[in-house]
Amino acid sequence: MVDIGAFREAVTAWAAGGPGDRARELATRLPVRAVVLLEGPSDVAAVNALAERRGRDLEVEGICVLTMGGAMNVGRYARLLGPPGLGLRLTGLCDERERPYYTRALEQAGAIQQTFFVCAADLEDELIRALGTGQVEDLVRAEGDLRALRTFRSQPAQQGRTAQQQLRRFLGTKKGRKIHYGRVLVEALDPDRVPAPLDGLLASI
């Protein structure tokens, strides 16, 4: 049985410049009803983790969650998947500083009516604020990364930064760390402390 994962792979290949025939074929065969566009894999990890916590299987529901490989690719994905392309419902997350770019890209694709949820700095920043720096540091300790965090904080560039700023930067200093903590931080959230952009996204699909 062909699943949403195959559609996601076909769309990614299409966006990279490949043919779109496979994606179009799967869009007609599968019950794809929405696509969640996210900047990177850490955002995907967080969205999937929250969906699982709420007992939802997004692929079974016909929702394709995919990374665009960077926020600057939103225009391309909106053209392929929105009104000019497959005509699917689009949603996702963006950072506040990128909101104007998303607005222009969606408008150019005729998808301005699609709702994207805005994070202040980024999703990691939202999660750290929701949990508090103390709890995030406890999680870093539990994951075996406390020594690495202490070494990072001792660097001259980190002096004068707040604990939250240091933690946010630390999560992006090693390949795969942001992805790992995307899930770890979401799984540690109290149900009533889910950041508004992430909560709103899940509620909308």
Foldseek 3Di string as FASTA:
>chain_A
DDFLVQLQVLLLCVLVPDDNPSNLVVLVVALAAEEAEEADLLQVLLLVLLCVVVVHDCRVVNYHYYHQPHPLSLLSSCLCCPDVHVNHAYEYEDEPVCVVVNCVSCVVSVNNVHYYFYDHGDQLLLLCVLCDLVVVLVLCVVVVNNVVLVVQCPDPVNPPPDSSVSVVVSQPPDPPSSNVVSNVSSVPGDPVSRRPNSVVVVVVD
